[in-house]
Amino acid sequence: MVNLPYSENIPDRLTRDFYARETVHVACDLIGKKLVRHFDNAVLIGRIVETEAYRGSDDAASHAFNGRTKRNAPMFGAPGHTYIYFIYGMHWLFNISAHIEGVPGGILIRALAPERNIAKMQTLRRQVSLDRLTNGPARLAQALKLDGALDDIDLVTHMDLYITDGALAAGETIANGPRMRVPGDDLAQNRPWRFWIRDNPYISS
């Protein structure tokens, strides 16, 4: 199979301009979009239903708060790249670089609603129930096999991992509030930079 350019092969893929905006705005606008992962001869798709925005030196909860390191470099690089890191010696978390020029930023994908090849996702998650399949950042990373091998890849051009356009369904609304269990000062802990689809069953707990 010949890989066609994304503009021909994946017409509704999000472009660089989508990610090259203020981080908080992108985090909100990602709600309803679809994360697509090609893995092991299957196409796994989940609809983004929860996100969190993290900025730079003005955000004490952000990995970018103290400047650039080898680990957090994607937050400072081109918008639309993955930032995937390992925590607690056991979990991968999937983030996306999104920011205006000169200001680092990233977005944690906190929850997905599984849409395609759910059985494959359940196999990757060791046969957990549907309601626990992708309702959290570590869970969705396992369900879509998102790990360090995919760190700092370009979602705008990569053929096996990308995000396509999507919209809210009739009756759906977006809520926002403080991010969950974040470090930092009171300002960082209370910034309303978490976004989710109200009453969606896949929101993280």
C-alpha atoms as a PDB file:
ATOM      1  CA  MET A   1       0.000   0.000   0.000  1.00  0.00           C
ATOM      2  CA  VAL A   2       1.309   3.461  -0.914  1.00  0.00           C
ATOM      3  CA  ASN A   3       0.904   6.116   1.753  1.00  0.00           C
ATOM      4  CA  LEU A   4      -0.757   9.101   0.103  1.00  0.00           C
ATOM      5  CA  PRO A   5      -0.142  12.630   1.385  1.00  0.00           C
ATOM      6  CA  TYR A   6      -2.363  13.322   4.370  1.00  0.00           C
ATOM      7  CA  SER A   7      -4.279  16.008   2.479  1.00  0.00           C
ATOM      8  CA  GLU A   8      -5.501  13.319   0.066  1.00  0.00           C
ATOM      9  CA  ASN A   9      -5.608  10.310   2.351  1.00  0.00           C
ATOM     10  CA  ILE A  10      -7.022  11.939   5.507  1.00  0.00           C
ATOM     11  CA  PRO A  11      -9.012  14.979   4.396  1.00  0.00           C
ATOM     12  CA  ASP A  12     -10.357  15.911   7.824  1.00  0.00           C
ATOM     13  CA  ARG A  13      -7.058  15.712   9.716  1.00  0.00           C
ATOM     14  CA  LEU A  14      -6.343  18.729  11.941  1.00  0.00           C
ATOM     15  CA  THR A  15      -3.713  21.051  10.476  1.00  0.00           C
ATOM     16  CA  ARG A  16      -0.797  22.890  12.064  1.00  0.00           C
ATOM     17  CA  ASP A  17      -2.827  26.078  12.298  1.00  0.00           C
ATOM     18  CA  PHE A  18      -5.303  24.363  14.621  1.00  0.00           C
ATOM     19  CA  TYR A  19      -2.556  23.644  17.185  1.00  0.00           C
ATOM     20  CA  ALA A  20      -0.641  26.927  16.729  1.00  0.00           C
ATOM     21  CA  ARG A  21      -3.008  28.931  18.931  1.00  0.00           C
ATOM     22  CA  GLU A  22      -3.401  29.812  22.592  1.00  0.00           C
ATOM     23  CA  THR A  23      -3.124  26.549  24.533  1.00  0.00           C
ATOM     24  CA  VAL A  24      -6.315  26.943  26.550  1.00  0.00           C
ATOM     25  CA  HIS A  25      -8.373  27.645  23.427  1.00  0.00           C
ATOM     26  CA  VAL A  26      -6.997  24.554  21.696  1.00  0.00           C
ATOM     27  CA  ALA A  27      -7.780  22.408  24.747  1.00  0.00           C
ATOM     28  CA  CYS A  28     -11.418  23.467  24.572  1.00  0.00           C
ATOM     29  CA  ASP A  29     -11.611  23.072  20.802  1.00  0.00           C
ATOM     30  CA  LEU A  30     -10.221  19.514  20.934  1.00  0.00           C
ATOM     31  CA  ILE A  31     -13.400  18.355  22.648  1.00  0.00           C
ATOM     32  CA  GLY A  32     -15.364  16.297  20.128  1.00  0.00           C
ATOM     33  CA  LYS A  33     -12.381  15.686  17.842  1.00  0.00           C
ATOM     34  CA  LYS A  34     -11.275  12.104  17.094  1.00  0.00           C
ATOM     35  CA  LEU A  35      -7.965  10.497  17.987  1.00  0.00           C
ATOM     36  CA  VAL A  36      -6.993   7.905  15.379  1.00  0.00           C
ATOM     37  CA  ARG A  37      -4.363   5.214  15.999  1.00  0.00           C
ATOM     38  CA  HIS A  38      -3.257   2.606  13.452  1.00  0.00           C
ATOM     39  CA  PHE A  39      -1.870  -0.392  15.334  1.00  0.00           C
ATOM     40  CA  ASP A  40      -1.443  -4.091  14.603  1.00  0.00           C
ATOM     41  CA  ASN A  41      -3.527  -3.994  11.387  1.00  0.00           C
ATOM     42  CA  ALA A  42      -6.386  -2.212  13.144  1.00  0.00           C
ATOM     43  CA  VAL A  43      -7.615   1.377  13.237  1.00  0.00           C
ATOM     44  CA  LEU A  44      -8.498   2.420  16.779  1.00  0.00           C
ATOM     45  CA  ILE A  45     -10.609   5.557  17.147  1.00  0.00           C
ATOM     46  CA  GLY A  46     -11.690   7.425  20.256  1.00  0.00           C
ATOM     47  CA  ARG A  47     -13.597  10.684  20.531  1.00  0.00           C
ATOM     48  CA  ILE A  48     -11.937  13.244  22.796  1.00  0.00           C
ATOM     49  CA  VAL A  49     -14.268  14.054  25.684  1.00  0.00           C
ATOM     50  CA  GLU A  50     -11.910  15.540  28.295  1.00  0.00           C
ATOM     51  CA  THR A  51      -8.722  17.634  28.160  1.00  0.00           C
ATOM     52  CA  GLU A  52      -6.488  19.793  30.354  1.00  0.00           C
ATOM     53  CA  ALA A  53      -4.354  22.747  29.240  1.00  0.00           C
ATOM     54  CA  TYR A  54      -0.858  23.465  30.579  1.00  0.00           C
ATOM     55  CA  ARG A  55       1.089  26.615  29.729  1.00  0.00           C
ATOM     56  CA  GLY A  56       4.683  27.650  30.468  1.00  0.00           C
ATOM     57  CA  SER A  57       6.447  29.894  32.978  1.00  0.00           C
ATOM     58  CA  ASP A  58       3.134  31.355  34.180  1.00  0.00           C
ATOM     59  CA  ASP A  59       1.719  27.933  35.106  1.00  0.00           C
ATOM     60  CA  ALA A  60       3.232  26.259  38.171  1.00  0.00           C
ATOM     61  CA  ALA A  61       1.399  23.016  37.369  1.00  0.00           C
ATOM     62  CA  SER A  62       3.100  22.685  33.988  1.00  0.00           C
ATOM     63  CA  HIS A  63       6.142  20.576  33.119  1.00  0.00           C
ATOM     64  CA  ALA A  64       7.357  23.674  31.222  1.00  0.00           C
ATOM     65  CA  PHE A  65       7.236  25.932  34.304  1.00  0.00           C
ATOM     66  CA  ASN A  66      10.971  25.692  35.040  1.00  0.00           C
ATOM     67  CA  GLY A  67      12.139  25.815  31.443  1.00  0.00           C
ATOM     68  CA  ARG A  68      13.049  23.402  28.704  1.00  0.00           C
ATOM     69  CA  THR A  69      14.491  19.956  29.420  1.00  0.00           C
ATOM     70  CA  LYS A  70      15.105  16.875  27.307  1.00  0.00           C
ATOM     71  CA  ARG A  71      11.883  15.370  28.649  1.00  0.00           C
ATOM     72  CA  ASN A  72       9.537  18.309  28.052  1.00  0.00           C
ATOM     73  CA  ALA A  73      11.096  19.501  24.772  1.00  0.00           C
ATOM     74  CA  PRO A  74       7.934  18.796  22.713  1.00  0.00           C
ATOM     75  CA  MET A  75       6.079  21.474  24.715  1.00  0.00           C
ATOM     76  CA  PHE A  76       8.542  24.037  23.322  1.00  0.00           C
ATOM     77  CA  GLY A  77       8.673  22.655  19.784  1.00  0.00           C
ATOM     78  CA  ALA A  78       6.378  22.800  16.803  1.00  0.00           C
ATOM     79  CA  PRO A  79       2.658  22.772  17.660  1.00  0.00           C
ATOM     80  CA  GLY A  80       0.917  19.515  16.876  1.00  0.00           C
ATOM     81  CA  HIS A  81       3.580  17.144  18.190  1.00  0.00           C
ATOM     82  CA  THR A  82       3.013  14.452  20.780  1.00  0.00           C
ATOM     83  CA  TYR A  83       4.409  14.690  24.292  1.00  0.00           C
ATOM     84  CA  ILE A  84       4.213  11.258  25.913  1.00  0.00           C
ATOM     85  CA  TYR A  85       5.803  10.683  29.292  1.00  0.00           C
ATOM     86  CA  PHE A  86       6.008   7.923  31.903  1.00  0.00           C
ATOM     87  CA  ILE A  87       4.776   8.390  35.487  1.00  0.00           C
ATOM     88  CA  TYR A  88       4.769   6.347  38.690  1.00  0.00           C
ATOM     89  CA  GLY A  89       6.946   3.742  36.984  1.00  0.00           C
ATOM     90  CA  MET A  90       3.891   2.245  35.297  1.00  0.00           C
ATOM     91  CA  HIS A  91       1.772   4.639  33.170  1.00  0.00           C
ATOM     92  CA  TRP A  92       2.170   6.566  29.920  1.00  0.00           C
ATOM     93  CA  LEU A  93       0.274   9.845  29.480  1.00  0.00           C
ATOM     94  CA  PHE A  94      -0.562  11.316  26.063  1.00  0.00           C
ATOM     95  CA  ASN A  95      -0.222  15.060  25.508  1.00  0.00           C
ATOM     96  CA  ILE A  96      -0.141  17.357  22.487  1.00  0.00           C
ATOM     97  CA  SER A  97       1.971  20.476  22.013  1.00  0.00           C
ATOM     98  CA  ALA A  98      -0.224  23.492  21.323  1.00  0.00           C
ATOM     99  CA  HIS A  99       0.821  27.105  21.729  1.00  0.00           C
ATOM    100  CA  ILE A 100       1.470  30.439  20.104  1.00  0.00           C
ATOM    101  CA  GLU A 101       5.013  31.246  19.002  1.00  0.00           C
ATOM    102  CA  GLY A 102       7.442  31.764  21.868  1.00  0.00           C
ATOM    103  CA  VAL A 103       5.162  30.410  24.603  1.00  0.00           C
ATOM    104  CA  PRO A 104       5.386  26.684  25.458  1.00  0.00           C
ATOM    105  CA  GLY A 105       2.235  24.724  26.077  1.00  0.00           C
ATOM    106  CA  GLY A 106       0.665  21.306  25.991  1.00  0.00           C
ATOM    107  CA  ILE A 107      -2.661  19.567  26.385  1.00  0.00           C
ATOM    108  CA  LEU A 108      -3.254  16.371  28.326  1.00  0.00           C
ATOM    109  CA  ILE A 109      -5.896  14.137  26.778  1.00  0.00           C
ATOM    110  CA  ARG A 110      -7.749  12.905  29.858  1.00  0.00           C
ATOM    111  CA  ALA A 111     -10.544  10.773  28.406  1.00  0.00           C
ATOM    112  CA  LEU A 112     -11.907   9.308  25.192  1.00  0.00           C
ATOM    113  CA  ALA A 113     -15.205   7.766  24.200  1.00  0.00           C
ATOM    114  CA  PRO A 114     -14.209   4.593  22.304  1.00  0.00           C
ATOM    115  CA  GLU A 115     -15.698   4.423  18.812  1.00  0.00           C
ATOM    116  CA  ARG A 116     -13.918   1.912  16.578  1.00  0.00           C
ATOM    117  CA  ASN A 117     -12.257  -1.468  17.206  1.00  0.00           C
ATOM    118  CA  ILE A 118     -13.343  -1.459  20.820  1.00  0.00           C
ATOM    119  CA  ALA A 119     -12.591  -5.174  21.165  1.00  0.00           C
ATOM    120  CA  LYS A 120      -8.961  -4.496  20.234  1.00  0.00           C
ATOM    121  CA  MET A 121      -8.808  -1.735  22.838  1.00  0.00           C
ATOM    122  CA  GLN A 122     -10.175  -4.131  25.445  1.00  0.00           C
ATOM    123  CA  THR A 123      -7.480  -6.655  24.544  1.00  0.00           C
ATOM    124  CA  LEU A 124      -4.812  -4.006  25.023  1.00  0.00           C
ATOM    125  CA  ARG A 125      -6.446  -3.091  28.354  1.00  0.00           C
ATOM    126  CA  ARG A 126      -6.576  -6.767  29.402  1.00  0.00           C
ATOM    127  CA  GLN A 127     -10.318  -7.141  28.961  1.00  0.00           C
ATOM    128  CA  VAL A 128     -11.572  -4.422  31.277  1.00  0.00           C
ATOM    129  CA  SER A 129     -15.227  -3.416  31.138  1.00  0.00           C
ATOM    130  CA  LEU A 130     -16.324  -0.799  28.622  1.00  0.00           C
ATOM    131  CA  ASP A 131     -16.997   1.849  31.270  1.00  0.00           C
ATOM    132  CA  ARG A 132     -13.362   1.640  32.442  1.00  0.00           C
ATOM    133  CA  LEU A 133     -11.761   1.345  29.013  1.00  0.00           C
ATOM    134  CA  THR A 134     -10.677   4.919  28.211  1.00  0.00           C
ATOM    135  CA  ASN A 135     -11.973   7.064  31.107  1.00  0.00           C
ATOM    136  CA  GLY A 136      -8.610   8.365  32.256  1.00  0.00           C
ATOM    137  CA  PRO A 137      -5.284   9.417  30.736  1.00  0.00           C
ATOM    138  CA  ALA A 138      -3.369   6.246  31.627  1.00  0.00           C
ATOM    139  CA  ARG A 139      -6.260   4.020  30.560  1.00  0.00           C
ATOM    140  CA  LEU A 140      -6.690   5.597  27.144  1.00  0.00           C
ATOM    141  CA  ALA A 141      -2.931   5.436  26.529  1.00  0.00           C
ATOM    142  CA  GLN A 142      -2.987   1.705  27.199  1.00  0.00           C
ATOM    143  CA  ALA A 143      -6.137   1.145  25.127  1.00  0.00           C
ATOM    144  CA  LEU A 144      -4.595   2.824  22.067  1.00  0.00           C
ATOM    145  CA  LYS A 145      -1.025   1.629  22.674  1.00  0.00           C
ATOM    146  CA  LEU A 146       0.359   5.139  23.131  1.00  0.00           C
ATOM    147  CA  ASP A 147       3.828   4.949  24.661  1.00  0.00           C
ATOM    148  CA  GLY A 148       7.283   6.485  24.559  1.00  0.00           C
ATOM    149  CA  ALA A 149       7.985   5.172  21.080  1.00  0.00           C
ATOM    150  CA  LEU A 150       5.482   7.783  19.849  1.00  0.00           C
ATOM    151  CA  ASP A 151       6.894  10.727  21.801  1.00  0.00           C
ATOM    152  CA  ASP A 152       7.491  13.900  19.754  1.00  0.00           C
ATOM    153  CA  ILE A 153       5.926  12.614  16.534  1.00  0.00           C
ATOM    154  CA  ASP A 154       4.083  15.037  14.282  1.00  0.00           C
ATOM    155  CA  LEU A 155       0.313  14.545  14.365  1.00  0.00           C
ATOM    156  CA  VAL A 156       0.002  16.701  11.245  1.00  0.00           C
ATOM    157  CA  THR A 157       2.015  14.338   9.020  1.00  0.00           C
ATOM    158  CA  HIS A 158       2.250  10.954  10.775  1.00  0.00           C
ATOM    159  CA  MET A 159       0.338   8.158   9.059  1.00  0.00           C
ATOM    160  CA  ASP A 160      -0.329   6.003  12.143  1.00  0.00           C
ATOM    161  CA  LEU A 161      -1.398   8.593  14.719  1.00  0.00           C
ATOM    162  CA  TYR A 162      -3.380  11.779  14.134  1.00  0.00           C
ATOM    163  CA  ILE A 163      -6.506  13.718  15.102  1.00  0.00           C
ATOM    164  CA  THR A 164      -9.439  14.362  12.793  1.00  0.00           C
ATOM    165  CA  ASP A 165     -12.188  16.924  12.955  1.00  0.00           C
ATOM    166  CA  GLY A 166     -15.370  16.334  14.922  1.00  0.00           C
ATOM    167  CA  ALA A 167     -18.150  18.227  16.616  1.00  0.00           C
ATOM    168  CA  LEU A 168     -20.456  18.090  19.594  1.00  0.00           C
ATOM    169  CA  ALA A 169     -23.602  16.046  19.144  1.00  0.00           C
ATOM    170  CA  ALA A 170     -27.030  17.599  19.539  1.00  0.00           C
ATOM    171  CA  GLY A 171     -27.623  18.461  23.184  1.00  0.00           C
ATOM    172  CA  GLU A 172     -23.977  18.175  24.236  1.00  0.00           C
ATOM    173  CA  THR A 173     -22.291  21.066  26.044  1.00  0.00           C
ATOM    174  CA  ILE A 174     -18.747  21.704  27.234  1.00  0.00           C
ATOM    175  CA  ALA A 175     -18.033  22.299  30.919  1.00  0.00           C
ATOM    176  CA  ASN A 176     -14.804  23.599  32.424  1.00  0.00           C
ATOM    177  CA  GLY A 177     -13.230  23.740  35.842  1.00  0.00           C
ATOM    178  CA  PRO A 178      -9.971  23.264  37.769  1.00  0.00           C
ATOM    179  CA  ARG A 179      -7.514  20.649  36.603  1.00  0.00           C
ATOM    180  CA  MET A 180      -7.384  17.423  38.573  1.00  0.00           C
ATOM    181  CA  ARG A 181      -4.778  16.750  41.262  1.00  0.00           C
ATOM    182  CA  VAL A 182      -2.199  19.203  39.916  1.00  0.00           C
ATOM    183  CA  PRO A 183       0.859  20.522  41.790  1.00  0.00           C
ATOM    184  CA  GLY A 184       1.755  24.167  42.196  1.00  0.00           C
ATOM    185  CA  ASP A 185       0.331  27.193  43.952  1.00  0.00           C
ATOM    186  CA  ASP A 186      -3.309  28.094  44.545  1.00  0.00           C
ATOM    187  CA  LEU A 187      -3.502  29.868  41.204  1.00  0.00           C
ATOM    188  CA  ALA A 188      -2.297  26.797  39.322  1.00  0.00           C
ATOM    189  CA  GLN A 189      -4.628  24.498  41.221  1.00  0.00           C
ATOM    190  CA  ASN A 190      -7.688  26.652  40.598  1.00  0.00           C
ATOM    191  CA  ARG A 191      -7.279  27.668  36.989  1.00  0.00           C
ATOM    192  CA  PRO A 192     -10.340  26.404  35.073  1.00  0.00           C
ATOM    193  CA  TRP A 193      -8.311  24.797  32.310  1.00  0.00           C
ATOM    194  CA  ARG A 194      -9.937  21.379  32.321  1.00  0.00           C
ATOM    195  CA  PHE A 195     -12.644  20.848  29.695  1.00  0.00           C
ATOM    196  CA  TRP A 196     -15.114  18.003  29.282  1.00  0.00           C
ATOM    197  CA  ILE A 197     -18.426  17.063  27.723  1.00  0.00           C
ATOM    198  CA  ARG A 198     -21.001  17.487  30.448  1.00  0.00           C
ATOM    199  CA  ASP A 199     -22.535  14.189  31.669  1.00  0.00           C
ATOM    200  CA  ASN A 200     -20.428  12.058  29.319  1.00  0.00           C
ATOM    201  CA  PRO A 201     -20.013   8.547  30.795  1.00  0.00           C
ATOM    202  CA  TYR A 202     -16.310   8.360  29.890  1.00  0.00           C
ATOM    203  CA  ILE A 203     -15.118  11.353  31.901  1.00  0.00           C
ATOM    204  CA  SER A 204     -12.251  10.492  34.255  1.00  0.00           C
ATOM    205  CA  SER A 205     -12.822  10.307  37.992  1.00  0.00           C
END
